[in-house]
C-alpha atoms as a PDB file:
ATOM      1  CA  UNK A   1       0.000   0.000   0.000  1.00  0.00           C
ATOM      2  CA  UNK A   2       1.439   3.362  -1.059  1.00  0.00           C
ATOM      3  CA  UNK A   3       0.463   6.363   1.041  1.00  0.00           C
ATOM      4  CA  UNK A   4       1.454   9.997   0.659  1.00  0.00           C
ATOM      5  CA  UNK A   5       1.484  12.194   3.761  1.00  0.00           C
ATOM      6  CA  UNK A   6       0.654  15.658   2.410  1.00  0.00           C
ATOM      7  CA  UNK A   7       0.479  19.227   3.666  1.00  0.00           C
ATOM      8  CA  UNK A   8       0.253  22.650   2.018  1.00  0.00           C
ATOM      9  CA  UNK A   9       0.806  26.268   2.996  1.00  0.00           C
ATOM     10  CA  UNK A  10      -1.248  29.017   1.373  1.00  0.00           C
ATOM     11  CA  UNK A  11      -1.574  32.777   0.952  1.00  0.00           C
ATOM     12  CA  UNK A  12      -4.777  32.791   3.019  1.00  0.00           C
ATOM     13  CA  UNK A  13      -7.739  30.716   4.083  1.00  0.00           C
ATOM     14  CA  UNK A  14     -10.294  30.932   1.255  1.00  0.00           C
ATOM     15  CA  UNK A  15     -10.019  29.945  -2.407  1.00  0.00           C
ATOM     16  CA  UNK A  16     -13.198  31.988  -2.945  1.00  0.00           C
ATOM     17  CA  UNK A  17     -11.025  35.051  -2.291  1.00  0.00           C
ATOM     18  CA  UNK A  18      -8.433  33.892  -4.816  1.00  0.00           C
ATOM     19  CA  UNK A  19      -5.929  32.548  -2.298  1.00  0.00           C
ATOM     20  CA  UNK A  20      -3.324  30.149  -3.655  1.00  0.00           C
ATOM     21  CA  UNK A  21      -0.917  27.404  -2.590  1.00  0.00           C
ATOM     22  CA  UNK A  22       2.645  28.564  -1.877  1.00  0.00           C
ATOM     23  CA  UNK A  23       4.204  25.346  -0.530  1.00  0.00           C
ATOM     24  CA  UNK A  24       3.561  21.615  -0.970  1.00  0.00           C
ATOM     25  CA  UNK A  25       5.243  18.928   1.118  1.00  0.00           C
ATOM     26  CA  UNK A  26       4.774  15.174   0.678  1.00  0.00           C
ATOM     27  CA  UNK A  27       6.316  12.134   2.411  1.00  0.00           C
ATOM     28  CA  UNK A  28       5.983   8.627   0.921  1.00  0.00           C
ATOM     29  CA  UNK A  29       5.041   5.515   2.904  1.00  0.00           C
ATOM     30  CA  UNK A  30       4.967   2.025   1.380  1.00  0.00           C
ATOM     31  CA  UNK A  31       3.410  -0.701   3.512  1.00  0.00           C
ATOM     32  CA  UNK A  32       3.651   1.665   6.506  1.00  0.00           C
ATOM     33  CA  UNK A  33       7.376   2.193   6.036  1.00  0.00           C
ATOM     34  CA  UNK A  34       9.018   5.545   5.356  1.00  0.00           C
ATOM     35  CA  UNK A  35      10.804   5.152   2.028  1.00  0.00           C
ATOM     36  CA  UNK A  36      12.827   8.368   2.136  1.00  0.00           C
ATOM     37  CA  UNK A  37      11.093   9.612  -1.037  1.00  0.00           C
ATOM     38  CA  UNK A  38       9.457  13.004  -0.775  1.00  0.00           C
ATOM     39  CA  UNK A  39       8.138  15.868  -2.870  1.00  0.00           C
ATOM     40  CA  UNK A  40       8.677  19.473  -1.795  1.00  0.00           C
ATOM     41  CA  UNK A  41       8.047  22.665  -3.709  1.00  0.00           C
ATOM     42  CA  UNK A  42       7.624  26.382  -2.987  1.00  0.00           C
ATOM     43  CA  UNK A  43       5.345  28.213  -5.440  1.00  0.00           C
ATOM     44  CA  UNK A  44       4.899  31.739  -6.790  1.00  0.00           C
ATOM     45  CA  UNK A  45       1.190  32.536  -6.244  1.00  0.00           C
ATOM     46  CA  UNK A  46       0.961  35.746  -8.299  1.00  0.00           C
ATOM     47  CA  UNK A  47      -0.740  37.526  -5.418  1.00  0.00           C
ATOM     48  CA  UNK A  48       0.107  38.973  -2.014  1.00  0.00           C
ATOM     49  CA  UNK A  49       0.214  36.732   1.051  1.00  0.00           C
ATOM     50  CA  UNK A  50      -2.034  37.764   3.944  1.00  0.00           C
ATOM     51  CA  UNK A  51      -0.082  39.069   6.932  1.00  0.00           C
ATOM     52  CA  UNK A  52      -1.945  36.643   9.193  1.00  0.00           C
ATOM     53  CA  UNK A  53      -0.764  33.749   7.000  1.00  0.00           C
ATOM     54  CA  UNK A  54       2.861  34.941   7.120  1.00  0.00           C
ATOM     55  CA  UNK A  55       2.642  34.916  10.922  1.00  0.00           C
ATOM     56  CA  UNK A  56       1.701  31.206  10.730  1.00  0.00           C
ATOM     57  CA  UNK A  57       4.216  29.868   8.191  1.00  0.00           C
ATOM     58  CA  UNK A  58       6.812  32.644   7.864  1.00  0.00           C
ATOM     59  CA  UNK A  59       6.887  32.519   4.047  1.00  0.00           C
ATOM     60  CA  UNK A  60       7.156  36.003   2.542  1.00  0.00           C
ATOM     61  CA  UNK A  61       6.268  37.480  -0.838  1.00  0.00           C
ATOM     62  CA  UNK A  62       9.942  38.318  -1.429  1.00  0.00           C
ATOM     63  CA  UNK A  63      11.016  34.719  -0.838  1.00  0.00           C
ATOM     64  CA  UNK A  64       8.618  33.430  -3.518  1.00  0.00           C
ATOM     65  CA  UNK A  65       9.536  35.898  -6.288  1.00  0.00           C
ATOM     66  CA  UNK A  66      11.745  33.442  -8.226  1.00  0.00           C
ATOM     67  CA  UNK A  67       9.789  30.263  -7.430  1.00  0.00           C
ATOM     68  CA  UNK A  68       7.872  28.313 -10.123  1.00  0.00           C
ATOM     69  CA  UNK A  69       4.131  28.590 -10.547  1.00  0.00           C
ATOM     70  CA  UNK A  70       1.800  25.644  -9.898  1.00  0.00           C
ATOM     71  CA  UNK A  71       1.284  25.229 -13.647  1.00  0.00           C
ATOM     72  CA  UNK A  72       5.024  24.595 -14.037  1.00  0.00           C
ATOM     73  CA  UNK A  73       5.085  21.725 -11.516  1.00  0.00           C
ATOM     74  CA  UNK A  74       1.579  20.271 -11.832  1.00  0.00           C
ATOM     75  CA  UNK A  75       2.716  17.291 -13.927  1.00  0.00           C
ATOM     76  CA  UNK A  76       5.489  16.184 -11.575  1.00  0.00           C
ATOM     77  CA  UNK A  77       3.298  16.754  -8.502  1.00  0.00           C
ATOM     78  CA  UNK A  78       0.485  14.657  -9.953  1.00  0.00           C
ATOM     79  CA  UNK A  79       2.952  11.938 -10.963  1.00  0.00           C
ATOM     80  CA  UNK A  80       4.153  11.756  -7.347  1.00  0.00           C
ATOM     81  CA  UNK A  81       0.719  11.410  -5.730  1.00  0.00           C
ATOM     82  CA  UNK A  82      -1.172   9.528  -8.461  1.00  0.00           C
ATOM     83  CA  UNK A  83      -2.549   6.143  -7.436  1.00  0.00           C
ATOM     84  CA  UNK A  84      -1.694   6.566  -3.757  1.00  0.00           C
ATOM     85  CA  UNK A  85      -3.735   7.255  -0.673  1.00  0.00           C
ATOM     86  CA  UNK A  86      -3.291  10.824   0.536  1.00  0.00           C
ATOM     87  CA  UNK A  87      -3.056  11.122   4.332  1.00  0.00           C
ATOM     88  CA  UNK A  88      -3.852  14.711   5.342  1.00  0.00           C
ATOM     89  CA  UNK A  89      -4.737  16.460   8.600  1.00  0.00           C
ATOM     90  CA  UNK A  90      -7.891  18.471   7.858  1.00  0.00           C
ATOM     91  CA  UNK A  91      -8.034  17.203   4.284  1.00  0.00           C
ATOM     92  CA  UNK A  92     -10.967  19.442   3.340  1.00  0.00           C
ATOM     93  CA  UNK A  93      -8.665  22.477   3.438  1.00  0.00           C
ATOM     94  CA  UNK A  94      -5.706  21.078   1.466  1.00  0.00           C
ATOM     95  CA  UNK A  95      -7.791  19.172  -1.101  1.00  0.00           C
ATOM     96  CA  UNK A  96      -9.914  22.259  -1.656  1.00  0.00           C
ATOM     97  CA  UNK A  97      -6.822  24.300  -2.509  1.00  0.00           C
ATOM     98  CA  UNK A  98      -5.268  21.640  -4.745  1.00  0.00           C
ATOM     99  CA  UNK A  99      -8.543  21.203  -6.630  1.00  0.00           C
ATOM    100  CA  UNK A 100      -8.708  24.987  -7.027  1.00  0.00           C
ATOM    101  CA  UNK A 101      -5.206  25.008  -8.547  1.00  0.00           C
ATOM    102  CA  UNK A 102      -6.200  22.188 -10.931  1.00  0.00           C
ATOM    103  CA  UNK A 103      -9.360  24.067 -11.924  1.00  0.00           C
ATOM    104  CA  UNK A 104      -7.263  27.090 -12.934  1.00  0.00           C
ATOM    105  CA  UNK A 105      -5.334  24.838 -15.340  1.00  0.00           C
ATOM    106  CA  UNK A 106      -8.429  23.448 -17.054  1.00  0.00           C
ATOM    107  CA  UNK A 107     -11.022  20.708 -16.752  1.00  0.00           C
ATOM    108  CA  UNK A 108      -8.726  17.967 -18.115  1.00  0.00           C
ATOM    109  CA  UNK A 109      -6.902  17.888 -14.746  1.00  0.00           C
ATOM    110  CA  UNK A 110     -10.032  16.831 -12.891  1.00  0.00           C
ATOM    111  CA  UNK A 111      -9.920  16.680  -9.103  1.00  0.00           C
ATOM    112  CA  UNK A 112      -7.578  15.056  -6.620  1.00  0.00           C
ATOM    113  CA  UNK A 113     -10.277  12.459  -5.941  1.00  0.00           C
ATOM    114  CA  UNK A 114      -9.988  11.322  -9.570  1.00  0.00           C
ATOM    115  CA  UNK A 115      -6.357  10.293  -8.992  1.00  0.00           C
ATOM    116  CA  UNK A 116      -6.075   9.336  -5.300  1.00  0.00           C
ATOM    117  CA  UNK A 117      -8.016   8.129  -2.303  1.00  0.00           C
ATOM    118  CA  UNK A 118      -7.990  10.400   0.748  1.00  0.00           C
ATOM    119  CA  UNK A 119      -7.668   9.733   4.485  1.00  0.00           C
ATOM    120  CA  UNK A 120      -8.301  12.618   6.889  1.00  0.00           C
ATOM    121  CA  UNK A 121      -6.385  12.129  10.148  1.00  0.00           C
ATOM    122  CA  UNK A 122      -8.356  14.946  11.796  1.00  0.00           C
ATOM    123  CA  UNK A 123     -11.611  13.039  11.310  1.00  0.00           C
ATOM    124  CA  UNK A 124      -9.871   9.850  12.469  1.00  0.00           C
ATOM    125  CA  UNK A 125      -8.561  11.586  15.597  1.00  0.00           C
ATOM    126  CA  UNK A 126     -11.998  13.023  16.419  1.00  0.00           C
ATOM    127  CA  UNK A 127     -13.432   9.513  16.178  1.00  0.00           C
ATOM    128  CA  UNK A 128     -10.680   8.024  18.338  1.00  0.00           C
ATOM    129  CA  UNK A 129     -10.534  10.887  20.873  1.00  0.00           C
ATOM    130  CA  UNK A 130     -13.993  12.497  21.008  1.00  0.00           C
ATOM    131  CA  UNK A 131     -14.279  15.720  22.952  1.00  0.00           C
ATOM    132  CA  UNK A 132     -10.498  16.292  23.011  1.00  0.00           C
ATOM    133  CA  UNK A 133      -8.213  18.674  21.162  1.00  0.00           C
ATOM    134  CA  UNK A 134      -7.045  17.014  17.954  1.00  0.00           C
ATOM    135  CA  UNK A 135      -4.747  19.555  16.349  1.00  0.00           C
ATOM    136  CA  UNK A 136      -1.424  18.237  15.080  1.00  0.00           C
ATOM    137  CA  UNK A 137       0.358  19.742  18.087  1.00  0.00           C
ATOM    138  CA  UNK A 138      -2.169  18.167  20.480  1.00  0.00           C
ATOM    139  CA  UNK A 139      -1.713  14.753  18.853  1.00  0.00           C
ATOM    140  CA  UNK A 140       2.068  15.071  19.101  1.00  0.00           C
ATOM    141  CA  UNK A 141       1.695  15.625  22.831  1.00  0.00           C
ATOM    142  CA  UNK A 142      -0.783  12.751  23.174  1.00  0.00           C
ATOM    143  CA  UNK A 143       1.445  10.284  21.315  1.00  0.00           C
ATOM    144  CA  UNK A 144       4.730  11.601  22.750  1.00  0.00           C
ATOM    145  CA  UNK A 145       6.104  12.761  19.383  1.00  0.00           C
ATOM    146  CA  UNK A 146       8.822  15.420  19.363  1.00  0.00           C
ATOM    147  CA  UNK A 147       7.675  18.526  17.486  1.00  0.00           C
ATOM    148  CA  UNK A 148      10.017  21.034  19.125  1.00  0.00           C
ATOM    149  CA  UNK A 149      11.349  22.018  15.672  1.00  0.00           C
ATOM    150  CA  UNK A 150       7.870  23.249  14.722  1.00  0.00           C
ATOM    151  CA  UNK A 151       8.132  26.919  15.708  1.00  0.00           C
ATOM    152  CA  UNK A 152       6.416  27.825  12.426  1.00  0.00           C
ATOM    153  CA  UNK A 153       4.208  25.777  10.149  1.00  0.00           C
ATOM    154  CA  UNK A 154       5.937  24.327   7.079  1.00  0.00           C
ATOM    155  CA  UNK A 155       4.482  21.879   4.574  1.00  0.00           C
ATOM    156  CA  UNK A 156       7.374  19.401   4.520  1.00  0.00           C
ATOM    157  CA  UNK A 157       8.041  19.578   8.271  1.00  0.00           C
ATOM    158  CA  UNK A 158       4.349  19.154   9.052  1.00  0.00           C
ATOM    159  CA  UNK A 159       4.172  16.166   6.689  1.00  0.00           C
ATOM    160  CA  UNK A 160       7.101  14.544   8.495  1.00  0.00           C
ATOM    161  CA  UNK A 161       5.437  15.121  11.868  1.00  0.00           C
ATOM    162  CA  UNK A 162       2.071  13.891  10.575  1.00  0.00           C
ATOM    163  CA  UNK A 163       3.718  10.695   9.312  1.00  0.00           C
ATOM    164  CA  UNK A 164       4.869   9.954  12.872  1.00  0.00           C
ATOM    165  CA  UNK A 165       1.455  10.854  14.281  1.00  0.00           C
ATOM    166  CA  UNK A 166      -0.442   8.740  11.739  1.00  0.00           C
ATOM    167  CA  UNK A 167       1.742   5.682  12.327  1.00  0.00           C
ATOM    168  CA  UNK A 168       1.398   6.080  16.086  1.00  0.00           C
ATOM    169  CA  UNK A 169      -2.388   6.433  15.800  1.00  0.00           C
ATOM    170  CA  UNK A 170      -2.661   3.288  13.712  1.00  0.00           C
ATOM    171  CA  UNK A 171      -0.323   0.981  15.564  1.00  0.00           C
ATOM    172  CA  UNK A 172       3.234   2.347  15.627  1.00  0.00           C
ATOM    173  CA  UNK A 173       6.091   1.525  13.209  1.00  0.00           C
ATOM    174  CA  UNK A 174       7.424   5.091  12.987  1.00  0.00           C
ATOM    175  CA  UNK A 175      11.118   4.380  12.451  1.00  0.00           C
ATOM    176  CA  UNK A 176      11.149   1.644   9.818  1.00  0.00           C
ATOM    177  CA  UNK A 177      13.137   3.247   7.011  1.00  0.00           C
ATOM    178  CA  UNK A 178      13.822   1.221   3.884  1.00  0.00           C
ATOM    179  CA  UNK A 179      17.595   1.645   4.044  1.00  0.00           C
ATOM    180  CA  UNK A 180      19.651  -1.432   3.233  1.00  0.00           C
ATOM    181  CA  UNK A 181      22.779   0.129   4.704  1.00  0.00           C
ATOM    182  CA  UNK A 182      21.139   0.153   8.132  1.00  0.00           C
ATOM    183  CA  UNK A 183      20.122  -3.509   7.937  1.00  0.00           C
ATOM    184  CA  UNK A 184      22.240  -5.940   9.911  1.00  0.00           C
ATOM    185  CA  UNK A 185      22.777  -9.479   8.708  1.00  0.00           C
ATOM    186  CA  UNK A 186      20.765 -12.284  10.274  1.00  0.00           C
ATOM    187  CA  UNK A 187      23.996 -13.826  11.569  1.00  0.00           C
ATOM    188  CA  UNK A 188      24.928 -10.616  13.403  1.00  0.00           C
ATOM    189  CA  UNK A 189      21.526 -10.478  15.039  1.00  0.00           C
ATOM    190  CA  UNK A 190      21.653 -14.142  16.062  1.00  0.00           C
ATOM    191  CA  UNK A 191      25.040 -13.602  17.726  1.00  0.00           C
ATOM    192  CA  UNK A 192      23.524 -10.895  19.937  1.00  0.00           C
ATOM    193  CA  UNK A 193      20.763 -13.158  21.245  1.00  0.00           C
ATOM    194  CA  UNK A 194      21.221 -14.418  24.790  1.00  0.00           C
ATOM    195  CA  UNK A 195      20.813 -18.198  25.268  1.00  0.00           C
ATOM    196  CA  UNK A 196      17.632 -19.389  27.004  1.00  0.00           C
ATOM    197  CA  UNK A 197      17.974 -21.549  30.090  1.00  0.00           C
ATOM    198  CA  UNK A 198      16.499 -24.972  29.293  1.00  0.00           C
ATOM    199  CA  UNK A 199      15.489 -25.400  32.959  1.00  0.00           C
ATOM    200  CA  UNK A 200      13.448 -22.235  33.060  1.00  0.00           C
ATOM    201  CA  UNK A 201       9.874 -22.580  34.404  1.00  0.00           C
ATOM    202  CA  UNK A 202       7.054 -22.767  31.892  1.00  0.00           C
ATOM    203  CA  UNK A 203       5.601 -19.408  30.971  1.00  0.00           C
ATOM    204  CA  UNK A 204       2.173 -18.674  32.340  1.00  0.00           C
ATOM    205  CA  UNK A 205      -0.386 -18.052  29.583  1.00  0.00           C
ATOM    206  CA  UNK A 206      -3.095 -15.555  30.460  1.00  0.00           C
ATOM    207  CA  UNK A 207      -5.919 -15.334  27.936  1.00  0.00           C
ATOM    208  CA  UNK A 208      -7.757 -12.110  27.228  1.00  0.00           C
ATOM    209  CA  UNK A 209     -11.039 -11.642  29.057  1.00  0.00           C
ATOM    210  CA  UNK A 210     -14.305 -10.667  27.360  1.00  0.00           C
ATOM    211  CA  UNK A 211     -13.737  -6.922  27.843  1.00  0.00           C
ATOM    212  CA  UNK A 212     -10.240  -7.134  26.393  1.00  0.00           C
ATOM    213  CA  UNK A 213     -11.491  -9.194  23.439  1.00  0.00           C
ATOM    214  CA  UNK A 214     -14.187  -6.598  22.785  1.00  0.00           C
ATOM    215  CA  UNK A 215     -11.629  -3.759  22.915  1.00  0.00           C
ATOM    216  CA  UNK A 216      -9.334  -5.697  20.563  1.00  0.00           C
ATOM    217  CA  UNK A 217     -12.175  -6.194  18.065  1.00  0.00           C
ATOM    218  CA  UNK A 218     -13.062  -2.492  18.162  1.00  0.00           C
ATOM    219  CA  UNK A 219      -9.436  -1.565  17.431  1.00  0.00           C
ATOM    220  CA  UNK A 220      -9.318  -3.996  14.481  1.00  0.00           C
ATOM    221  CA  UNK A 221     -12.543  -2.482  13.137  1.00  0.00           C
ATOM    222  CA  UNK A 222     -10.833   0.929  13.223  1.00  0.00           C
ATOM    223  CA  UNK A 223      -7.733  -0.435  11.420  1.00  0.00           C
ATOM    224  CA  UNK A 224      -9.919  -2.054   8.754  1.00  0.00           C
ATOM    225  CA  UNK A 225     -11.677   1.270   8.186  1.00  0.00           C
ATOM    226  CA  UNK A 226      -8.379   3.139   7.853  1.00  0.00           C
ATOM    227  CA  UNK A 227      -6.799   0.570   5.515  1.00  0.00           C
ATOM    228  CA  UNK A 228      -9.940   0.001   3.469  1.00  0.00           C
ATOM    229  CA  UNK A 229      -9.571  -3.768   3.834  1.00  0.00           C
ATOM    230  CA  UNK A 230      -9.291  -6.485   6.475  1.00  0.00           C
ATOM    231  CA  UNK A 231      -6.071  -6.257   8.500  1.00  0.00           C
ATOM    232  CA  UNK A 232      -3.630  -9.164   8.851  1.00  0.00           C
ATOM    233  CA  UNK A 233      -4.628  -9.454  12.496  1.00  0.00           C
ATOM    234  CA  UNK A 234      -7.923 -10.927  11.311  1.00  0.00           C
ATOM    235  CA  UNK A 235      -5.978 -13.878   9.891  1.00  0.00           C
ATOM    236  CA  UNK A 236      -4.023 -14.299  13.119  1.00  0.00           C
ATOM    237  CA  UNK A 237      -7.242 -14.267  15.135  1.00  0.00           C
ATOM    238  CA  UNK A 238      -8.784 -16.871  12.834  1.00  0.00           C
ATOM    239  CA  UNK A 239      -5.717 -19.110  13.134  1.00  0.00           C
ATOM    240  CA  UNK A 240      -5.765 -18.887  16.933  1.00  0.00           C
ATOM    241  CA  UNK A 241      -9.419 -19.934  17.226  1.00  0.00           C
END
């Protein structure tokens, strides 16, 4: 499964007022592993950035003067996200802006939904933690994720943080990079294993009670909904019965 963690920064809050995207940041996950592939681009919006927006992300009009326009990068951006599942915090905002940019290029571009599926981690968090604050910063605190580098919003930085948050929300696996150089050989790992005492007492097996089984099933239902298909845990449960 290929997923793209995505975030944007914009000149303001409303496309109805002609506001545009000025930064796109994407991080690639394959089978819940960070691949190291990413897409990052600053954009010239051909309009002034609201002062309130600059206070949030720190991107100025002067900085964007020599940056490409969305039309210049639309092909490579679409190639990067096409066919994947976009994972976005408050997807309604970012998808609305991307679809607006596509609409300015012509009807042949369609909408993001024509090329990708979309998962909104804000909606997921509200379902998992009803009645609580579910901003990205709040989720970092809840899942003990370091976001001290986030003094200002930035599309690529926020995508990196959201990747950690999403993986923590859906079962962990935040540090599994596909980097062969960091892989140790099986022989090296075996040598580090301590021998087990053959005379050790038998381990006590404690089976889950009804409440724990019910909680486990509810968590699997949530994973199935996120993944769009039955999780592998279903097979393990079937084998154990």
